[in-house]
Protein backbone atom coordinates (compact mmCIF):
# COMPACT_ATOMS: atom_id res chain seq x y z
CA MET A 1 85.32 85.01 76.58
CA THR A 2 88.21 86.98 77.98
CA LYS A 3 87.39 89.29 81.22
CA ARG A 4 89.22 92.38 80.90
CA ILE A 5 90.14 94.69 83.77
CA SER A 6 87.32 97.93 83.57
CA GLY A 7 86.82 100.71 85.50
CA MET A 8 83.96 99.02 87.52
CA SER A 9 86.94 96.47 88.46
CA PHE A 10 88.80 99.03 90.41
CA ASP A 11 88.52 99.88 94.09
CA PHE A 12 91.28 101.25 96.34
CA PHE A 13 92.72 100.65 99.82
CA MET A 14 93.46 103.79 102.18
CA GLY A 15 94.90 103.15 106.04
CA GLY A 16 94.05 99.44 105.33
CA GLU A 17 90.36 99.91 104.49
CA LEU A 18 88.65 99.51 101.48
CA VAL A 19 86.84 101.91 99.61
CA HIS A 20 84.80 102.02 96.43
CA ALA A 21 85.54 105.15 94.10
CA GLU A 22 83.08 106.11 91.36
CA LYS A 23 85.81 108.12 89.63
CA ILE A 24 89.91 107.85 89.97
CA THR A 25 92.15 109.68 88.68
CA LEU A 26 96.04 109.83 89.52
CA SER A 27 98.93 111.63 86.55
CA ILE A 28 102.96 112.09 87.75
CA THR A 29 104.71 115.04 86.17
CA ASP A 30 108.32 114.07 85.52
CA ASN A 31 110.09 117.24 84.33
CA THR A 32 113.36 114.87 83.05
CA ALA A 33 114.84 117.65 79.90
CA ALA A 34 116.62 116.59 77.02
CA THR A 35 120.29 117.90 76.90
CA GLN A 36 121.75 119.52 74.13
CA THR A 37 125.41 120.45 72.85
CA ARG A 38 125.48 123.56 69.79
CA GLY A 39 121.36 122.95 69.60
CA VAL A 40 121.59 119.44 68.99
CA PRO A 41 120.40 116.32 71.43
CA ASP A 42 122.71 114.66 73.97
CA GLY A 43 121.80 113.20 76.29
CA TYR A 44 118.66 114.52 79.08
CA VAL A 45 118.97 115.08 82.53
CA ASP A 46 116.16 114.08 85.39
CA GLY A 47 113.77 116.90 86.26
CA ASP A 48 111.64 117.05 88.79
CA VAL A 49 108.90 114.73 89.74
CA SER A 50 105.28 115.24 91.80
CA ALA A 51 102.22 112.93 91.41
CA GLU A 52 98.41 114.01 92.35
CA GLY A 53 95.01 112.87 92.02
CA GLU A 54 91.57 113.02 92.69
CA LEU A 55 88.97 110.44 94.12
CA GLU A 56 85.12 110.80 93.46
CA LEU A 57 83.63 109.23 96.18
CA SER A 58 79.78 108.99 96.63
CA ILE A 59 78.31 110.07 99.86
CA LYS A 60 78.49 106.10 101.22
CA ALA A 61 82.22 105.90 100.14
CA PHE A 62 82.81 109.11 102.18
CA ALA A 63 81.70 108.11 105.14
CA ILE A 64 85.55 106.32 105.57
CA VAL A 65 87.07 109.79 104.58
CA LYS A 66 85.05 111.42 107.21
CA ARG A 67 85.48 109.18 109.79
CA LYS A 68 89.58 109.76 109.35
CA ALA A 69 88.41 113.71 109.39
CA GLN A 70 86.43 113.05 113.12
CA GLU A 71 89.44 111.78 114.56
CA ALA A 72 92.67 113.88 113.26
CA GLY A 73 89.35 116.76 114.62
CA SER A 74 89.59 118.09 111.69
CA TRP A 75 89.58 117.66 107.86
CA ARG A 76 92.59 119.36 106.58
CA GLY A 77 93.88 117.72 110.25
CA ILE A 78 94.01 114.03 107.85
CA ASP A 79 97.63 112.75 108.00
CA PRO A 80 98.86 111.55 104.68
CA GLN A 81 97.14 108.35 103.59
CA ASP A 82 98.86 105.54 101.62
CA PHE A 83 96.71 104.69 98.75
CA MET A 84 96.37 101.37 97.35
CA PHE A 85 94.72 100.80 93.97
CA TYR A 86 93.56 97.22 92.50
CA ALA A 87 91.99 95.05 90.24
CA LYS A 88 91.34 92.24 88.87
CA ALA A 89 89.40 90.65 85.94
CA GLY A 90 90.48 86.96 85.22
CA GLU A 91 94.29 86.96 84.40
CA GLU A 92 94.89 90.56 84.12
CA GLU A 93 95.80 93.02 87.01
CA SER A 94 97.10 95.75 88.03
CA LYS A 95 98.58 97.65 91.11
CA VAL A 96 99.52 101.19 91.57
CA GLU A 97 100.45 102.52 95.34
CA ALA A 98 100.02 106.29 95.39
CA PHE A 99 102.60 107.04 99.09
CA GLY A 100 101.91 110.19 101.49
CA CYS A 101 98.24 111.46 99.78
CA LYS A 102 97.64 114.42 101.35
CA MET A 103 93.74 115.05 101.24
CA ASN A 104 92.09 118.30 100.49
CA MET A 105 88.63 118.33 99.80
CA SER A 106 87.14 120.02 96.71
CA ASP A 107 83.64 120.23 95.11
CA ILE A 108 81.69 119.19 98.14
CA LEU A 109 78.50 120.29 96.83
CA ASP A 110 77.30 119.22 93.25
CA ILE A 111 73.35 118.40 93.23
CA ASP A 112 71.26 118.16 90.81
CA PRO A 113 68.29 118.84 91.78
CA LYS A 114 66.38 116.72 88.87
CA GLY A 115 67.84 113.14 90.57
CA GLY A 116 69.10 110.36 88.08
CA ALA A 117 72.55 110.69 89.57
CA LEU A 118 74.74 109.57 92.32
CA ALA A 119 75.77 112.17 94.88
CA THR A 120 79.16 112.18 94.85
CA ARG A 121 82.16 114.34 96.96
CA LYS A 122 85.95 114.77 95.01
CA ILE A 123 88.98 114.93 97.22
CA PRO A 124 92.41 115.92 95.43
CA PHE A 125 95.01 114.76 96.68
CA LYS A 126 99.18 115.55 96.35
CA VAL A 127 101.65 112.37 97.10
CA THR A 128 103.94 113.91 99.26
CA SER A 129 106.46 110.21 99.94
CA PRO A 130 109.54 110.04 98.32
CA ARG A 131 108.15 106.71 98.18
CA PHE A 132 106.00 108.53 95.66
CA ILE A 133 104.64 106.10 93.22
CA HIS A 134 104.64 101.78 92.72
CA ILE A 135 103.44 100.38 89.67
CA ASP A 136 102.94 96.61 89.82
CA GLY A 137 105.15 96.43 92.08
CA ILE A 138 107.69 98.30 90.52
CA PRO A 139 108.75 102.06 91.91
CA TYR A 140 108.77 104.76 89.72
CA LEU A 141 111.90 106.37 90.66
CA GLU A 142 114.94 104.43 90.56
CA ALA A 143 116.93 103.51 94.30
CA GLU A 144 119.32 106.74 94.07
CA ALA A 145 116.61 109.56 93.71
CA THR A 146 115.56 109.00 96.98
CA GLU A 147 118.52 107.88 99.15
CA ASN A 148 118.56 109.55 102.26
CA LEU A 149 114.75 109.85 101.87
CA ILE A 150 113.80 106.74 102.45
CA GLY A 151 114.21 105.62 106.23
């Protein structure tokens, strides 16, 4: 039986520290658009891009983010972080890097008094670096799009 990557296989690195997330999302918005001549498609133009996601962490894993807030002096003062999401199961491997992720807090309490569920905190983030996203080591954006932006 071949071992496959699942959500249970994923952890991520934040500032060099390994963190286990209960749930991770990362979405890219790419506003590339088709061009038209007399109403007929005849190519495309590159559009603006953005990316955002959300980390859902257990209270135990959240302690790493809390430590960063203490070092920064506030939650909003946490510097943008580079995240590397990585999973390996057997021969399958997946690596997604998101650069300059600016975190902000959301859903700081979501407690079910009946119990039976792990207490978590949600941390939305926006990708703010021109290095943007790399998927399995390949940049999402072509080098021409980021020239003069990356030193």
